[in-house]
C-alpha atoms as a PDB file:
ATOM      1  CA  MET A   1       0.230 114.195  77.394  1.00  0.00           C
ATOM      2  CA  LYS A   2      -1.579 117.494  76.852  1.00  0.00           C
ATOM      3  CA  LEU A   3      -1.385 119.274  73.493  1.00  0.00           C
ATOM      4  CA  ALA A   4       0.418 122.280  74.999  1.00  0.00           C
ATOM      5  CA  THR A   5       3.162 120.024  76.389  1.00  0.00           C
ATOM      6  CA  PHE A   6       3.286 117.955  73.211  1.00  0.00           C
ATOM      7  CA  LEU A   7       3.864 121.028  71.066  1.00  0.00           C
ATOM      8  CA  LYS A   8       6.990 122.124  72.959  1.00  0.00           C
ATOM      9  CA  THR A   9       9.224 120.147  70.589  1.00  0.00           C
ATOM     10  CA  PRO A  10      10.518 122.656  67.938  1.00  0.00           C
ATOM     11  CA  VAL A  11      10.078 120.304  64.966  1.00  0.00           C
ATOM     12  CA  ILE A  12       6.516 119.489  65.977  1.00  0.00           C
ATOM     13  CA  VAL A  13       5.731 123.189  66.432  1.00  0.00           C
ATOM     14  CA  LEU A  14       7.022 123.927  62.926  1.00  0.00           C
ATOM     15  CA  ILE A  15       4.993 121.122  61.343  1.00  0.00           C
ATOM     16  CA  PHE A  16       1.845 122.022  63.264  1.00  0.00           C
ATOM     17  CA  PHE A  17       1.747 125.763  62.603  1.00  0.00           C
ATOM     18  CA  THR A  18       2.881 125.481  58.973  1.00  0.00           C
ATOM     19  CA  SER A  19       0.082 122.992  58.338  1.00  0.00           C
ATOM     20  CA  LEU A  20      -2.398 125.071  60.327  1.00  0.00           C
ATOM     21  CA  PHE A  21      -1.720 128.058  58.065  1.00  0.00           C
ATOM     22  CA  THR A  22      -2.171 125.895  54.960  1.00  0.00           C
ATOM     23  CA  PHE A  23      -5.527 124.560  56.156  1.00  0.00           C
ATOM     24  CA  SER A  24      -6.898 127.882  57.430  1.00  0.00           C
ATOM     25  CA  GLN A  25      -8.861 128.514  54.242  1.00  0.00           C
ATOM     26  CA  ASN A  26     -12.585 128.079  54.787  1.00  0.00           C
ATOM     27  CA  ASP A  27     -13.395 126.133  51.630  1.00  0.00           C
ATOM     28  CA  PHE A  28     -10.750 123.405  51.815  1.00  0.00           C
ATOM     29  CA  GLN A  29     -11.820 119.774  51.552  1.00  0.00           C
ATOM     30  CA  GLY A  30     -10.048 116.447  51.577  1.00  0.00           C
ATOM     31  CA  LYS A  31     -10.691 112.769  50.946  1.00  0.00           C
ATOM     32  CA  ALA A  32      -8.974 109.950  52.795  1.00  0.00           C
ATOM     33  CA  TYR A  33      -9.289 106.336  51.623  1.00  0.00           C
ATOM     34  CA  TYR A  34      -9.126 103.606  54.273  1.00  0.00           C
ATOM     35  CA  MET A  35      -8.890  99.816  54.257  1.00  0.00           C
ATOM     36  CA  SER A  36     -10.469  98.117  57.258  1.00  0.00           C
ATOM     37  CA  LYS A  37      -9.496  94.521  58.109  1.00  0.00           C
ATOM     38  CA  THR A  38     -10.830  92.439  60.975  1.00  0.00           C
ATOM     39  CA  SER A  39      -9.650  88.996  62.038  1.00  0.00           C
ATOM     40  CA  VAL A  40     -12.191  86.690  63.647  1.00  0.00           C
ATOM     41  CA  ASP A  41     -11.695  84.303  66.549  1.00  0.00           C
ATOM     42  CA  MET A  42     -13.148  81.117  65.058  1.00  0.00           C
ATOM     43  CA  ASN A  43     -13.447  79.595  68.532  1.00  0.00           C
ATOM     44  CA  GLY A  44     -16.134  82.163  69.227  1.00  0.00           C
ATOM     45  CA  PHE A  45     -18.195  80.637  66.407  1.00  0.00           C
ATOM     46  CA  GLY A  46     -17.891  77.040  67.582  1.00  0.00           C
ATOM     47  CA  GLY A  47     -14.478  76.627  65.976  1.00  0.00           C
ATOM     48  CA  ARG A  48     -13.220  74.329  68.706  1.00  0.00           C
ATOM     49  CA  GLN A  49     -15.227  71.511  67.115  1.00  0.00           C
ATOM     50  CA  MET A  50     -13.913  72.223  63.595  1.00  0.00           C
ATOM     51  CA  SER A  51     -10.860  70.888  61.800  1.00  0.00           C
ATOM     52  CA  GLU A  52      -8.137  73.374  60.860  1.00  0.00           C
ATOM     53  CA  GLU A  53      -9.016  72.910  57.197  1.00  0.00           C
ATOM     54  CA  ARG A  54     -12.664  73.744  57.866  1.00  0.00           C
ATOM     55  CA  LYS A  55     -11.659  76.827  59.851  1.00  0.00           C
ATOM     56  CA  LYS A  56      -9.574  78.055  56.899  1.00  0.00           C
ATOM     57  CA  GLN A  57     -12.469  77.525  54.484  1.00  0.00           C
ATOM     58  CA  ILE A  58     -14.899  79.488  56.640  1.00  0.00           C
ATOM     59  CA  ALA A  59     -12.345  82.233  57.348  1.00  0.00           C
ATOM     60  CA  GLU A  60     -11.813  82.652  53.600  1.00  0.00           C
ATOM     61  CA  ARG A  61     -15.559  82.939  52.981  1.00  0.00           C
ATOM     62  CA  MET A  62     -15.877  85.518  55.753  1.00  0.00           C
ATOM     63  CA  LYS A  63     -12.862  87.480  54.520  1.00  0.00           C
ATOM     64  CA  SER A  64     -14.812  89.790  52.232  1.00  0.00           C
ATOM     65  CA  MET A  65     -17.239  90.603  55.072  1.00  0.00           C
ATOM     66  CA  PHE A  66     -14.451  91.860  57.290  1.00  0.00           C
ATOM     67  CA  GLU A  67     -12.293  93.557  54.658  1.00  0.00           C
ATOM     68  CA  LYS A  68     -13.869  96.790  53.512  1.00  0.00           C
ATOM     69  CA  THR A  69     -12.776 100.081  51.979  1.00  0.00           C
ATOM     70  CA  TYR A  70     -14.123 103.447  53.087  1.00  0.00           C
ATOM     71  CA  ILE A  71     -13.867 107.060  51.993  1.00  0.00           C
ATOM     72  CA  LEU A  72     -13.741 109.870  54.555  1.00  0.00           C
ATOM     73  CA  THR A  73     -14.694 113.212  53.033  1.00  0.00           C
ATOM     74  CA  PHE A  74     -13.850 116.066  55.390  1.00  0.00           C
ATOM     75  CA  ASN A  75     -13.534 119.819  55.838  1.00  0.00           C
ATOM     76  CA  LYS A  76     -12.572 121.871  58.883  1.00  0.00           C
ATOM     77  CA  THR A  77     -15.515 120.825  61.049  1.00  0.00           C
ATOM     78  CA  GLU A  78     -17.485 118.063  59.292  1.00  0.00           C
ATOM     79  CA  SER A  79     -16.920 114.656  57.774  1.00  0.00           C
ATOM     80  CA  ILE A  80     -18.877 111.864  56.128  1.00  0.00           C
ATOM     81  CA  TYR A  81     -17.566 108.283  56.252  1.00  0.00           C
ATOM     82  CA  LYS A  82     -18.909 105.956  53.547  1.00  0.00           C
ATOM     83  CA  GLU A  83     -18.200 102.384  52.572  1.00  0.00           C
ATOM     84  CA  GLU A  84     -16.907 102.228  49.015  1.00  0.00           C
ATOM     85  CA  GLU A  85     -19.368 100.390  46.793  1.00  0.00           C
ATOM     86  CA  ARG A  86     -18.261  97.164  45.136  1.00  0.00           C
ATOM     87  CA  LEU A  87     -19.859  94.365  43.183  1.00  0.00           C
ATOM     88  CA  GLU A  88     -20.991  91.329  45.144  1.00  0.00           C
ATOM     89  CA  THR A  89     -19.221  88.057  44.281  1.00  0.00           C
ATOM     90  CA  PRO A  90     -21.765  85.485  42.970  1.00  0.00           C
ATOM     91  CA  GLY A  91     -22.729  82.875  45.546  1.00  0.00           C
ATOM     92  CA  GLN A  92     -21.656  84.902  48.584  1.00  0.00           C
ATOM     93  CA  GLY A  93     -24.999  86.312  49.608  1.00  0.00           C
ATOM     94  CA  GLY A  94     -26.334  83.477  51.750  1.00  0.00           C
ATOM     95  CA  GLY A  95     -25.558  81.816  55.056  1.00  0.00           C
ATOM     96  CA  PHE A  96     -23.732  83.792  57.684  1.00  0.00           C
ATOM     97  CA  ARG A  97     -22.904  86.522  55.194  1.00  0.00           C
ATOM     98  CA  GLY A  98     -26.626  86.950  54.561  1.00  0.00           C
ATOM     99  CA  MET A  99     -27.231  87.306  58.283  1.00  0.00           C
ATOM    100  CA  MET A 100     -24.400  89.816  58.590  1.00  0.00           C
ATOM    101  CA  GLY A 101     -26.092  91.832  55.845  1.00  0.00           C
ATOM    102  CA  SER A 102     -28.872  92.429  58.346  1.00  0.00           C
ATOM    103  CA  PHE A 103     -26.437  94.652  60.292  1.00  0.00           C
ATOM    104  CA  THR A 104     -25.541  96.887  57.364  1.00  0.00           C
ATOM    105  CA  GLY A 105     -23.995 100.165  58.440  1.00  0.00           C
ATOM    106  CA  GLY A 106     -24.668 103.256  56.385  1.00  0.00           C
ATOM    107  CA  ASN A 107     -23.126 106.689  56.145  1.00  0.00           C
ATOM    108  CA  GLN A 108     -21.619 108.185  59.279  1.00  0.00           C
ATOM    109  CA  TYR A 109     -21.534 111.939  59.830  1.00  0.00           C
ATOM    110  CA  LYS A 110     -19.395 113.734  62.404  1.00  0.00           C
ATOM    111  CA  ASN A 111     -19.612 117.426  63.249  1.00  0.00           C
ATOM    112  CA  ILE A 112     -16.775 118.486  65.533  1.00  0.00           C
ATOM    113  CA  LYS A 113     -18.156 121.991  66.051  1.00  0.00           C
ATOM    114  CA  ASN A 114     -21.578 120.743  67.209  1.00  0.00           C
ATOM    115  CA  ASN A 115     -20.232 117.601  68.942  1.00  0.00           C
ATOM    116  CA  GLN A 116     -22.669 115.543  66.874  1.00  0.00           C
ATOM    117  CA  LEU A 117     -22.591 112.032  65.409  1.00  0.00           C
ATOM    118  CA  LEU A 118     -25.219 110.661  63.028  1.00  0.00           C
ATOM    119  CA  GLN A 119     -25.096 107.079  61.765  1.00  0.00           C
ATOM    120  CA  GLU A 120     -27.474 105.426  59.324  1.00  0.00           C
ATOM    121  CA  GLN A 121     -27.937 101.779  60.298  1.00  0.00           C
ATOM    122  CA  GLU A 122     -30.024  98.984  58.807  1.00  0.00           C
ATOM    123  CA  PHE A 123     -30.965  96.120  61.090  1.00  0.00           C
ATOM    124  CA  PHE A 124     -33.037  93.182  59.803  1.00  0.00           C
ATOM    125  CA  GLY A 125     -34.755  95.311  57.184  1.00  0.00           C
ATOM    126  CA  LYS A 126     -35.450  98.240  59.514  1.00  0.00           C
ATOM    127  CA  GLN A 127     -33.734 101.575  58.988  1.00  0.00           C
ATOM    128  CA  PHE A 128     -32.412 103.457  62.017  1.00  0.00           C
ATOM    129  CA  LEU A 129     -30.713 106.813  62.435  1.00  0.00           C
ATOM    130  CA  ILE A 130     -28.402 106.801  65.429  1.00  0.00           C
ATOM    131  CA  LYS A 131     -28.160 110.367  66.717  1.00  0.00           C
ATOM    132  CA  ASP A 132     -25.856 111.029  69.634  1.00  0.00           C
ATOM    133  CA  LEU A 133     -22.939 113.027  70.943  1.00  0.00           C
ATOM    134  CA  LEU A 134     -19.512 112.213  69.569  1.00  0.00           C
ATOM    135  CA  PRO A 135     -17.953 109.415  71.638  1.00  0.00           C
ATOM    136  CA  LYS A 136     -15.184 110.929  73.738  1.00  0.00           C
ATOM    137  CA  LEU A 137     -11.883 109.080  74.099  1.00  0.00           C
ATOM    138  CA  ASN A 138      -9.263 110.172  76.616  1.00  0.00           C
ATOM    139  CA  TRP A 139      -6.272 110.108  74.308  1.00  0.00           C
ATOM    140  CA  VAL A 140      -2.776 109.746  75.718  1.00  0.00           C
ATOM    141  CA  MET A 141      -0.385 111.306  73.192  1.00  0.00           C
ATOM    142  CA  GLY A 142       3.134 109.936  72.967  1.00  0.00           C
ATOM    143  CA  SER A 143       6.313 110.984  71.191  1.00  0.00           C
ATOM    144  CA  GLU A 144       6.692 107.788  69.129  1.00  0.00           C
ATOM    145  CA  THR A 145       6.516 108.412  65.377  1.00  0.00           C
ATOM    146  CA  LYS A 146       6.327 106.480  62.134  1.00  0.00           C
ATOM    147  CA  GLN A 147       5.887 107.282  58.472  1.00  0.00           C
ATOM    148  CA  ILE A 148       2.640 106.439  56.686  1.00  0.00           C
ATOM    149  CA  GLY A 149       3.078 107.307  53.046  1.00  0.00           C
ATOM    150  CA  LYS A 150       4.460 110.835  52.931  1.00  0.00           C
ATOM    151  CA  TYR A 151       3.038 111.770  56.324  1.00  0.00           C
ATOM    152  CA  MET A 152       4.868 111.758  59.638  1.00  0.00           C
ATOM    153  CA  CYS A 153       2.529 110.281  62.210  1.00  0.00           C
ATOM    154  CA  PHE A 154       2.465 110.346  66.004  1.00  0.00           C
ATOM    155  CA  LYS A 155       1.130 107.641  68.291  1.00  0.00           C
ATOM    156  CA  ALA A 156      -1.798 108.078  70.675  1.00  0.00           C
ATOM    157  CA  THR A 157      -3.582 105.497  72.818  1.00  0.00           C
ATOM    158  CA  ALA A 158      -6.935 105.297  74.577  1.00  0.00           C
ATOM    159  CA  ILE A 159      -9.220 102.789  76.296  1.00  0.00           C
ATOM    160  CA  LYS A 160     -12.624 102.400  74.664  1.00  0.00           C
ATOM    161  CA  PRO A 161     -15.564 100.931  76.612  1.00  0.00           C
ATOM    162  CA  ALA A 162     -17.459  98.237  74.726  1.00  0.00           C
ATOM    163  CA  SER A 163     -20.470  99.478  72.801  1.00  0.00           C
ATOM    164  CA  GLY A 164     -22.610  98.223  69.965  1.00  0.00           C
ATOM    165  CA  PHE A 165     -22.367  94.660  68.729  1.00  0.00           C
ATOM    166  CA  ASP A 166     -18.950  93.518  67.548  1.00  0.00           C
ATOM    167  CA  PHE A 167     -18.911  90.049  65.950  1.00  0.00           C
ATOM    168  CA  SER A 168     -15.124  90.078  65.645  1.00  0.00           C
ATOM    169  CA  SER A 169     -14.720  90.151  69.426  1.00  0.00           C
ATOM    170  CA  PHE A 170     -16.904  87.153  70.182  1.00  0.00           C
ATOM    171  CA  ARG A 171     -15.376  84.507  72.416  1.00  0.00           C
ATOM    172  CA  ARG A 172     -16.695  81.800  74.648  1.00  0.00           C
ATOM    173  CA  PRO A 173     -15.845  82.161  78.346  1.00  0.00           C
ATOM    174  CA  SER A 174     -13.092  79.923  79.641  1.00  0.00           C
ATOM    175  CA  ARG A 175     -14.421  77.082  81.751  1.00  0.00           C
ATOM    176  CA  ASP A 176     -12.705  75.814  84.887  1.00  0.00           C
ATOM    177  CA  LYS A 177     -13.434  73.243  87.542  1.00  0.00           C
ATOM    178  CA  ALA A 178     -15.194  75.798  89.684  1.00  0.00           C
ATOM    179  CA  GLN A 179     -17.882  76.235  87.046  1.00  0.00           C
ATOM    180  CA  ASP A 180     -21.030  74.163  87.013  1.00  0.00           C
ATOM    181  CA  SER A 181     -20.082  70.973  85.162  1.00  0.00           C
ATOM    182  CA  THR A 182     -23.716  70.376  84.244  1.00  0.00           C
ATOM    183  CA  LYS A 183     -23.785  73.505  82.109  1.00  0.00           C
ATOM    184  CA  THR A 184     -24.043  72.568  78.435  1.00  0.00           C
ATOM    185  CA  LYS A 185     -22.208  74.340  75.624  1.00  0.00           C
ATOM    186  CA  ALA A 186     -25.509  75.608  74.289  1.00  0.00           C
ATOM    187  CA  GLU A 187     -26.053  77.356  77.602  1.00  0.00           C
ATOM    188  CA  GLU A 188     -22.689  79.076  77.575  1.00  0.00           C
ATOM    189  CA  LYS A 189     -22.977  82.714  76.699  1.00  0.00           C
ATOM    190  CA  VAL A 190     -20.741  84.405  74.176  1.00  0.00           C
ATOM    191  CA  GLU A 191     -18.592  87.062  75.802  1.00  0.00           C
ATOM    192  CA  VAL A 192     -17.558  90.394  74.378  1.00  0.00           C
ATOM    193  CA  PRO A 193     -14.641  92.255  76.023  1.00  0.00           C
ATOM    194  CA  LYS A 194     -15.789  95.123  78.235  1.00  0.00           C
ATOM    195  CA  GLU A 195     -13.137  97.473  76.880  1.00  0.00           C
ATOM    196  CA  THR A 196     -10.642  97.721  74.043  1.00  0.00           C
ATOM    197  CA  GLU A 197      -7.257  99.408  73.824  1.00  0.00           C
ATOM    198  CA  ILE A 198      -7.093 101.796  70.884  1.00  0.00           C
ATOM    199  CA  VAL A 199      -3.791 102.664  69.207  1.00  0.00           C
ATOM    200  CA  ALA A 200      -4.035 105.524  66.707  1.00  0.00           C
ATOM    201  CA  TRP A 201      -1.506 107.217  64.433  1.00  0.00           C
ATOM    202  CA  TYR A 202      -2.267 110.783  63.377  1.00  0.00           C
ATOM    203  CA  THR A 203      -0.487 113.445  61.340  1.00  0.00           C
ATOM    204  CA  LEU A 204      -0.065 117.116  62.181  1.00  0.00           C
ATOM    205  CA  GLN A 205       0.430 117.787  58.469  1.00  0.00           C
ATOM    206  CA  ILE A 206      -3.381 117.678  58.212  1.00  0.00           C
ATOM    207  CA  PRO A 207      -4.405 119.509  61.411  1.00  0.00           C
ATOM    208  CA  ILE A 208      -8.070 118.524  61.703  1.00  0.00           C
ATOM    209  CA  ASN A 209      -9.751 116.526  64.494  1.00  0.00           C
ATOM    210  CA  GLN A 210     -11.161 113.860  62.182  1.00  0.00           C
ATOM    211  CA  GLY A 211     -10.540 110.170  61.588  1.00  0.00           C
ATOM    212  CA  PRO A 212     -12.150 106.977  60.300  1.00  0.00           C
ATOM    213  CA  GLY A 213     -15.349 105.689  61.884  1.00  0.00           C
ATOM    214  CA  GLU A 214     -16.055 107.023  65.358  1.00  0.00           C
ATOM    215  CA  TYR A 215     -12.408 107.935  65.953  1.00  0.00           C
ATOM    216  CA  TRP A 216     -11.594 111.624  66.274  1.00  0.00           C
ATOM    217  CA  GLY A 217     -10.296 114.188  68.778  1.00  0.00           C
ATOM    218  CA  LEU A 218      -6.567 114.311  68.018  1.00  0.00           C
ATOM    219  CA  PRO A 219      -4.732 117.412  66.715  1.00  0.00           C
ATOM    220  CA  GLY A 220      -4.329 115.828  63.288  1.00  0.00           C
ATOM    221  CA  LEU A 221      -6.093 113.485  60.870  1.00  0.00           C
ATOM    222  CA  ILE A 222      -5.969 109.874  62.094  1.00  0.00           C
ATOM    223  CA  LEU A 223      -4.385 107.674  59.415  1.00  0.00           C
ATOM    224  CA  GLU A 224      -4.272 104.348  61.249  1.00  0.00           C
ATOM    225  CA  VAL A 225      -6.276 102.716  64.024  1.00  0.00           C
ATOM    226  CA  ASN A 226      -5.654  99.397  65.760  1.00  0.00           C
ATOM    227  CA  ALA A 227      -8.597  98.351  67.944  1.00  0.00           C
ATOM    228  CA  GLY A 228      -8.784  94.764  69.135  1.00  0.00           C
ATOM    229  CA  ARG A 229      -8.899  92.570  66.041  1.00  0.00           C
ATOM    230  CA  THR A 230      -9.541  95.481  63.671  1.00  0.00           C
ATOM    231  CA  THR A 231      -6.976  97.555  61.790  1.00  0.00           C
ATOM    232  CA  ILE A 232      -7.969 100.610  59.756  1.00  0.00           C
ATOM    233  CA  LEU A 233      -5.238 102.014  57.519  1.00  0.00           C
ATOM    234  CA  CYS A 234      -5.289 105.027  55.216  1.00  0.00           C
ATOM    235  CA  SER A 235      -4.035 104.191  51.712  1.00  0.00           C
ATOM    236  CA  LYS A 236      -4.521 107.510  49.923  1.00  0.00           C
ATOM    237  CA  ILE A 237      -5.290 111.167  50.649  1.00  0.00           C
ATOM    238  CA  VAL A 238      -6.521 113.710  48.137  1.00  0.00           C
ATOM    239  CA  MET A 239      -6.520 117.326  49.259  1.00  0.00           C
ATOM    240  CA  ASN A 240      -8.820 119.874  47.594  1.00  0.00           C
ATOM    241  CA  PRO A 241     -10.031 117.501  44.839  1.00  0.00           C
ATOM    242  CA  GLU A 242     -11.259 119.091  41.613  1.00  0.00           C
ATOM    243  CA  GLU A 243     -14.670 117.539  42.156  1.00  0.00           C
ATOM    244  CA  LYS A 244     -15.614 118.180  45.745  1.00  0.00           C
ATOM    245  CA  GLY A 245     -17.749 115.606  47.527  1.00  0.00           C
ATOM    246  CA  THR A 246     -20.982 116.422  49.291  1.00  0.00           C
ATOM    247  CA  ILE A 247     -20.980 116.178  53.067  1.00  0.00           C
ATOM    248  CA  LYS A 248     -24.666 115.476  53.465  1.00  0.00           C
ATOM    249  CA  VAL A 249     -26.208 115.102  56.914  1.00  0.00           C
ATOM    250  CA  PRO A 250     -27.893 111.653  57.143  1.00  0.00           C
ATOM    251  CA  SER A 251     -31.656 111.807  57.715  1.00  0.00           C
ATOM    252  CA  LYS A 252     -33.124 108.361  56.928  1.00  0.00           C
ATOM    253  CA  GLY A 253     -34.519 106.009  59.547  1.00  0.00           C
ATOM    254  CA  LYS A 254     -36.066 105.927  62.990  1.00  0.00           C
ATOM    255  CA  GLU A 255     -34.107 108.240  65.277  1.00  0.00           C
ATOM    256  CA  VAL A 256     -32.522 106.521  68.284  1.00  0.00           C
ATOM    257  CA  THR A 257     -29.555 107.061  70.579  1.00  0.00           C
ATOM    258  CA  GLN A 258     -26.605 104.665  70.543  1.00  0.00           C
ATOM    259  CA  LYS A 259     -27.761 103.180  73.852  1.00  0.00           C
ATOM    260  CA  GLU A 260     -31.271 102.597  72.527  1.00  0.00           C
ATOM    261  CA  TYR A 261     -29.910 100.966  69.378  1.00  0.00           C
ATOM    262  CA  ASP A 262     -27.628  98.671  71.394  1.00  0.00           C
ATOM    263  CA  GLU A 263     -30.622  97.583  73.467  1.00  0.00           C
ATOM    264  CA  ILE A 264     -32.584  96.768  70.297  1.00  0.00           C
ATOM    265  CA  ILE A 265     -29.728  94.619  68.974  1.00  0.00           C
ATOM    266  CA  THR A 266     -29.223  92.849  72.312  1.00  0.00           C
ATOM    267  CA  LYS A 267     -32.910  91.956  72.527  1.00  0.00           C
ATOM    268  CA  LYS A 268     -32.996  90.660  68.943  1.00  0.00           C
ATOM    269  CA  MET A 269     -29.853  88.576  69.351  1.00  0.00           C
ATOM    270  CA  LYS A 270     -31.245  87.046  72.534  1.00  0.00           C
ATOM    271  CA  GLU A 271     -34.352  86.009  70.614  1.00  0.00           C
ATOM    272  CA  MET A 272     -32.220  84.510  67.846  1.00  0.00           C
ATOM    273  CA  ARG A 273     -30.113  82.598  70.359  1.00  0.00           C
ATOM    274  CA  GLU A 274     -33.226  81.128  72.003  1.00  0.00           C
ATOM    275  CA  ASN A 275     -34.660  80.127  68.615  1.00  0.00           C
ATOM    276  CA  PHE A 276     -31.364  78.526  67.634  1.00  0.00           C
ATOM    277  CA  ARG A 277     -31.240  76.477  70.830  1.00  0.00           C
ATOM    278  CA  GLY A 278     -34.782  75.276  70.203  1.00  0.00           C
ATOM    279  CA  ARG A 279     -33.834  73.931  66.763  1.00  0.00           C
ATOM    280  CA  ARG A 280     -30.656  72.116  67.871  1.00  0.00           C
ATOM    281  CA  PRO A 281     -30.764  68.361  68.605  1.00  0.00           C
ATOM    282  CA  GLY A 282     -31.468  67.968  72.305  1.00  0.00           C
ATOM    283  CA  GLY A 283     -32.663  71.573  72.529  1.00  0.00           C
ATOM    284  CA  ASN A 284     -35.897  72.691  74.084  1.00  0.00           C
ATOM    285  CA  HIS A 285     -38.214  72.422  71.090  1.00  0.00           C
ATOM    286  CA  PRO A 286     -41.361  74.498  71.348  1.00  0.00           C
ATOM    287  CA  ARG A 287     -44.463  72.437  71.800  1.00  0.00           C
ATOM    288  CA  GLY A 288     -47.000  72.247  69.028  1.00  0.00           C
END
């Protein structure tokens, strides 16, 4: 549904233009607080061989990795998306969590006017600056609504091609009789879905094209996103705070495009997979 068609409803027109007038001032700024939660398919991490009790234990340990809070500071054209700092729980820095720390994401900057996205990203001790165009989603806007806090929100959907490296989407391919029965589990590759359906809820009461993470491009601030196993939900909005935040353009790290960064990750993960196979019992151990 195009915006012009969408805005034919009288109530929507009233909300949109009243809000547009309110946010027309050049110096306005807002902060939106989001909680991001991701569920993990344990089968993708070898969970088929685990007991249910063991799965629960591991899922609980991984919970803090996949439950994060973020702050989106925005104005009319720019935004900066930062993870909210918190103290690390003692004893949770090793193992898989330690490995996941090697994929630490930094501040993300979006400039709607310049169609620019900048993302600071640390990967195994190396600092990168992903510099690319804003990812474009072909949003389909519907008439379905729901209330999030004091904001009336409208539903929009889109299909997002797979990009980057998403641990939450890991799954082993299903095996059938037609597959080579001699293929060992160690040789099975982990699959990541080629595309994800995105469901977003946005409000015309804050008529800016911003949202959490890489999501943007709707006629109002996106307050909720459901993408695969991840849900991002806005818990609080502060408009024109007394102490305005700084929307600083990220500049640290080796500059790469998103495609180049994905290739770096893919190559590294392939190396790790080969090393892991070599250490497993029955694996191809390197000769001394």
